């Protein structure tokens, strides 16, 4: 079992489609912090609450110059339907489907046993360095205020 990416490590590059089919990469956000919020699978209750909470709190993240990206191994069509079902208006949710979980593996949050990412939040600073990373139990909803507190 891999360990979550270490603090101080440079964030591995990625290039994944979002719910609208647009490619999103790490390097397209110069001068911004990034929150990579991994969730196991779309259409599950805690994952739904996780993405809705991030979307509702987008103004707070913007105050700290932070872009929020949700991420799971679900294929693009599922991400698209799910984003519409959740009425997400502000955040991008990325499909780490092919190769399955490649980005989750790079960040040390892929579960071989479940064939999906674990629940985790990873903060990356403006220079591409990991400044905070935390895994959560599958049934635990990450606390948005805890994440925001790490940006202060």
C-alpha atoms as a PDB file:
ATOM      1  CA  UNK A   1       0.000   0.000   0.000  1.00  0.00           C
ATOM      2  CA  UNK A   2       1.403   3.345  -1.004  1.00  0.00           C
ATOM      3  CA  UNK A   3       1.744   6.285   1.339  1.00  0.00           C
ATOM      4  CA  UNK A   4       0.277   9.686   0.610  1.00  0.00           C
ATOM      5  CA  UNK A   5       2.629  12.115  -1.108  1.00  0.00           C
ATOM      6  CA  UNK A   6       5.110  13.765   1.243  1.00  0.00           C
ATOM      7  CA  UNK A   7       4.994  17.404   2.269  1.00  0.00           C
ATOM      8  CA  UNK A   8       7.567  19.408   0.345  1.00  0.00           C
ATOM      9  CA  UNK A   9       7.395  17.108  -2.683  1.00  0.00           C
ATOM     10  CA  UNK A  10       6.758  18.642  -6.066  1.00  0.00           C
ATOM     11  CA  UNK A  11       3.233  17.793  -7.204  1.00  0.00           C
ATOM     12  CA  UNK A  12       3.182  15.235 -10.029  1.00  0.00           C
ATOM     13  CA  UNK A  13       1.881  16.649 -13.305  1.00  0.00           C
ATOM     14  CA  UNK A  14      -1.486  15.542 -14.640  1.00  0.00           C
ATOM     15  CA  UNK A  15      -3.688  16.159 -17.647  1.00  0.00           C
ATOM     16  CA  UNK A  16      -7.255  14.941 -17.091  1.00  0.00           C
ATOM     17  CA  UNK A  17     -10.683  15.733 -18.533  1.00  0.00           C
ATOM     18  CA  UNK A  18     -13.193  17.577 -16.352  1.00  0.00           C
ATOM     19  CA  UNK A  19     -16.954  17.035 -16.323  1.00  0.00           C
ATOM     20  CA  UNK A  20     -17.260  19.080 -19.532  1.00  0.00           C
ATOM     21  CA  UNK A  21     -14.577  17.109 -21.362  1.00  0.00           C
ATOM     22  CA  UNK A  22     -12.030  19.938 -21.140  1.00  0.00           C
ATOM     23  CA  UNK A  23      -8.477  18.911 -20.311  1.00  0.00           C
ATOM     24  CA  UNK A  24      -7.172  20.259 -17.020  1.00  0.00           C
ATOM     25  CA  UNK A  25      -3.499  20.207 -16.097  1.00  0.00           C
ATOM     26  CA  UNK A  26      -1.472  21.157 -13.059  1.00  0.00           C
ATOM     27  CA  UNK A  27       0.535  23.715 -15.028  1.00  0.00           C
ATOM     28  CA  UNK A  28      -2.471  25.737 -16.211  1.00  0.00           C
ATOM     29  CA  UNK A  29      -2.841  27.480 -12.841  1.00  0.00           C
ATOM     30  CA  UNK A  30       0.354  29.520 -12.425  1.00  0.00           C
ATOM     31  CA  UNK A  31       0.375  31.693  -9.325  1.00  0.00           C
ATOM     32  CA  UNK A  32      -2.546  29.783  -7.780  1.00  0.00           C
ATOM     33  CA  UNK A  33      -2.780  27.258  -4.978  1.00  0.00           C
ATOM     34  CA  UNK A  34      -4.628  24.032  -5.769  1.00  0.00           C
ATOM     35  CA  UNK A  35      -6.763  21.757  -3.658  1.00  0.00           C
ATOM     36  CA  UNK A  36      -6.942  18.245  -5.092  1.00  0.00           C
ATOM     37  CA  UNK A  37      -9.916  16.677  -3.373  1.00  0.00           C
ATOM     38  CA  UNK A  38      -9.960  12.950  -4.102  1.00  0.00           C
ATOM     39  CA  UNK A  39     -13.193  11.028  -3.630  1.00  0.00           C
ATOM     40  CA  UNK A  40     -13.695   7.294  -4.232  1.00  0.00           C
ATOM     41  CA  UNK A  41     -16.741   7.167  -6.516  1.00  0.00           C
ATOM     42  CA  UNK A  42     -19.452   9.421  -7.879  1.00  0.00           C
ATOM     43  CA  UNK A  43     -23.078   8.891  -6.877  1.00  0.00           C
ATOM     44  CA  UNK A  44     -22.230   7.900  -3.312  1.00  0.00           C
ATOM     45  CA  UNK A  45     -23.495   9.885  -0.338  1.00  0.00           C
ATOM     46  CA  UNK A  46     -20.267  11.101   1.277  1.00  0.00           C
ATOM     47  CA  UNK A  47     -18.676  11.895  -2.097  1.00  0.00           C
ATOM     48  CA  UNK A  48     -21.777  13.900  -3.012  1.00  0.00           C
ATOM     49  CA  UNK A  49     -21.571  15.850   0.250  1.00  0.00           C
ATOM     50  CA  UNK A  50     -17.812  16.380  -0.246  1.00  0.00           C
ATOM     51  CA  UNK A  51     -18.156  17.944  -3.711  1.00  0.00           C
ATOM     52  CA  UNK A  52     -21.219  20.014  -2.792  1.00  0.00           C
ATOM     53  CA  UNK A  53     -19.430  21.373   0.279  1.00  0.00           C
ATOM     54  CA  UNK A  54     -16.441  22.443  -1.812  1.00  0.00           C
ATOM     55  CA  UNK A  55     -18.682  24.059  -4.418  1.00  0.00           C
ATOM     56  CA  UNK A  56     -20.670  25.946  -1.737  1.00  0.00           C
ATOM     57  CA  UNK A  57     -17.469  27.266  -0.166  1.00  0.00           C
ATOM     58  CA  UNK A  58     -15.748  28.381  -3.369  1.00  0.00           C
ATOM     59  CA  UNK A  59     -15.679  32.061  -2.338  1.00  0.00           C
ATOM     60  CA  UNK A  60     -13.677  31.140   0.778  1.00  0.00           C
ATOM     61  CA  UNK A  61     -11.175  29.204  -1.334  1.00  0.00           C
ATOM     62  CA  UNK A  62     -10.901  32.082  -3.812  1.00  0.00           C
ATOM     63  CA  UNK A  63     -10.073  34.401  -0.896  1.00  0.00           C
ATOM     64  CA  UNK A  64      -6.923  32.286  -0.439  1.00  0.00           C
ATOM     65  CA  UNK A  65      -6.113  32.232  -4.179  1.00  0.00           C
ATOM     66  CA  UNK A  66      -7.018  28.528  -4.369  1.00  0.00           C
ATOM     67  CA  UNK A  67      -8.502  26.527  -7.241  1.00  0.00           C
ATOM     68  CA  UNK A  68     -10.548  23.475  -6.177  1.00  0.00           C
ATOM     69  CA  UNK A  69     -10.403  20.288  -8.240  1.00  0.00           C
ATOM     70  CA  UNK A  70     -12.409  17.199  -7.331  1.00  0.00           C
ATOM     71  CA  UNK A  71     -11.008  13.923  -8.629  1.00  0.00           C
ATOM     72  CA  UNK A  72     -12.047  10.278  -8.869  1.00  0.00           C
ATOM     73  CA  UNK A  73     -11.638   7.254 -11.142  1.00  0.00           C
ATOM     74  CA  UNK A  74     -15.140   7.573 -12.596  1.00  0.00           C
ATOM     75  CA  UNK A  75     -15.272   7.810 -16.414  1.00  0.00           C
ATOM     76  CA  UNK A  76     -16.061  11.131 -18.058  1.00  0.00           C
ATOM     77  CA  UNK A  77     -19.731  10.395 -18.868  1.00  0.00           C
ATOM     78  CA  UNK A  78     -20.409   9.626 -15.199  1.00  0.00           C
ATOM     79  CA  UNK A  79     -18.611  12.797 -14.069  1.00  0.00           C
ATOM     80  CA  UNK A  80     -20.692  14.859 -16.469  1.00  0.00           C
ATOM     81  CA  UNK A  81     -24.037  13.443 -15.357  1.00  0.00           C
ATOM     82  CA  UNK A  82     -23.044  13.598 -11.684  1.00  0.00           C
ATOM     83  CA  UNK A  83     -21.913  17.247 -11.885  1.00  0.00           C
ATOM     84  CA  UNK A  84     -25.278  18.159 -13.409  1.00  0.00           C
ATOM     85  CA  UNK A  85     -27.171  16.126 -10.803  1.00  0.00           C
ATOM     86  CA  UNK A  86     -25.278  17.921  -8.015  1.00  0.00           C
ATOM     87  CA  UNK A  87     -25.759  21.333  -9.687  1.00  0.00           C
ATOM     88  CA  UNK A  88     -22.031  22.055  -9.342  1.00  0.00           C
ATOM     89  CA  UNK A  89     -21.400  25.581 -10.539  1.00  0.00           C
ATOM     90  CA  UNK A  90     -17.865  26.454  -9.472  1.00  0.00           C
ATOM     91  CA  UNK A  91     -15.568  23.458  -9.218  1.00  0.00           C
ATOM     92  CA  UNK A  92     -14.171  21.102 -11.808  1.00  0.00           C
ATOM     93  CA  UNK A  93     -14.372  17.389 -11.149  1.00  0.00           C
ATOM     94  CA  UNK A  94     -11.753  15.400 -13.011  1.00  0.00           C
ATOM     95  CA  UNK A  95     -11.864  11.875 -14.398  1.00  0.00           C
ATOM     96  CA  UNK A  96      -8.805   9.816 -13.410  1.00  0.00           C
ATOM     97  CA  UNK A  97     -10.215   6.882 -15.380  1.00  0.00           C
ATOM     98  CA  UNK A  98      -7.608   5.945 -17.981  1.00  0.00           C
ATOM     99  CA  UNK A  99      -5.224   4.599 -17.056  1.00  0.00           C
ATOM    100  CA  UNK A 100      -7.300   3.794 -13.990  1.00  0.00           C
ATOM    101  CA  UNK A 101      -6.249   5.899 -11.025  1.00  0.00           C
ATOM    102  CA  UNK A 102      -2.908   6.981 -12.496  1.00  0.00           C
ATOM    103  CA  UNK A 103      -3.021  10.380 -10.795  1.00  0.00           C
ATOM    104  CA  UNK A 104      -4.306   8.903  -7.531  1.00  0.00           C
ATOM    105  CA  UNK A 105      -1.362   6.474  -7.654  1.00  0.00           C
ATOM    106  CA  UNK A 106       1.090   9.339  -8.275  1.00  0.00           C
ATOM    107  CA  UNK A 107      -0.244  11.093  -5.167  1.00  0.00           C
ATOM    108  CA  UNK A 108      -0.284   7.914  -3.054  1.00  0.00           C
ATOM    109  CA  UNK A 109      -4.053   7.753  -2.581  1.00  0.00           C
ATOM    110  CA  UNK A 110      -5.107   4.823  -4.794  1.00  0.00           C
ATOM    111  CA  UNK A 111      -6.678   1.768  -3.188  1.00  0.00           C
ATOM    112  CA  UNK A 112      -5.847  -1.433  -5.058  1.00  0.00           C
ATOM    113  CA  UNK A 113      -8.427  -3.274  -2.967  1.00  0.00           C
ATOM    114  CA  UNK A 114     -11.252  -0.986  -4.111  1.00  0.00           C
ATOM    115  CA  UNK A 115      -9.969  -0.046  -7.571  1.00  0.00           C
ATOM    116  CA  UNK A 116     -10.584   3.614  -6.721  1.00  0.00           C
ATOM    117  CA  UNK A 117      -8.930   6.523  -5.002  1.00  0.00           C
ATOM    118  CA  UNK A 118      -9.146   6.890  -1.282  1.00  0.00           C
ATOM    119  CA  UNK A 119     -10.745  10.008   0.189  1.00  0.00           C
ATOM    120  CA  UNK A 120      -8.013  12.620   0.525  1.00  0.00           C
ATOM    121  CA  UNK A 121      -7.239  16.315   0.294  1.00  0.00           C
ATOM    122  CA  UNK A 122      -3.920  17.597  -1.010  1.00  0.00           C
ATOM    123  CA  UNK A 123      -2.925  21.258  -1.066  1.00  0.00           C
ATOM    124  CA  UNK A 124      -0.340  22.484  -3.551  1.00  0.00           C
ATOM    125  CA  UNK A 125       1.230  25.934  -3.301  1.00  0.00           C
ATOM    126  CA  UNK A 126       1.801  28.448  -6.104  1.00  0.00           C
ATOM    127  CA  UNK A 127       5.176  26.862  -6.862  1.00  0.00           C
ATOM    128  CA  UNK A 128       3.789  23.346  -7.331  1.00  0.00           C
ATOM    129  CA  UNK A 129       4.911  22.025  -3.947  1.00  0.00           C
ATOM    130  CA  UNK A 130       2.694  19.891  -1.689  1.00  0.00           C
ATOM    131  CA  UNK A 131       2.041  21.887   1.495  1.00  0.00           C
ATOM    132  CA  UNK A 132      -0.596  19.676   3.166  1.00  0.00           C
ATOM    133  CA  UNK A 133      -2.026  16.206   2.584  1.00  0.00           C
ATOM    134  CA  UNK A 134      -4.536  14.132   4.507  1.00  0.00           C
ATOM    135  CA  UNK A 135      -6.344  10.824   3.949  1.00  0.00           C
ATOM    136  CA  UNK A 136      -9.771  10.219   5.463  1.00  0.00           C
ATOM    137  CA  UNK A 137     -11.785   7.129   6.256  1.00  0.00           C
ATOM    138  CA  UNK A 138     -14.115   6.319   3.357  1.00  0.00           C
ATOM    139  CA  UNK A 139     -17.173   7.164   5.486  1.00  0.00           C
ATOM    140  CA  UNK A 140     -15.736  10.486   6.754  1.00  0.00           C
ATOM    141  CA  UNK A 141     -16.716  13.785   5.182  1.00  0.00           C
ATOM    142  CA  UNK A 142     -13.642  16.047   5.086  1.00  0.00           C
ATOM    143  CA  UNK A 143     -14.052  19.247   7.096  1.00  0.00           C
ATOM    144  CA  UNK A 144     -13.869  22.225   4.724  1.00  0.00           C
ATOM    145  CA  UNK A 145     -12.887  24.528   7.583  1.00  0.00           C
ATOM    146  CA  UNK A 146      -9.887  22.310   8.363  1.00  0.00           C
ATOM    147  CA  UNK A 147      -8.719  22.614   4.753  1.00  0.00           C
ATOM    148  CA  UNK A 148      -9.302  26.382   4.717  1.00  0.00           C
ATOM    149  CA  UNK A 149      -7.341  26.646   7.974  1.00  0.00           C
ATOM    150  CA  UNK A 150      -4.307  25.144   6.229  1.00  0.00           C
ATOM    151  CA  UNK A 151      -4.437  27.939   3.623  1.00  0.00           C
ATOM    152  CA  UNK A 152      -4.179  30.753   6.183  1.00  0.00           C
END
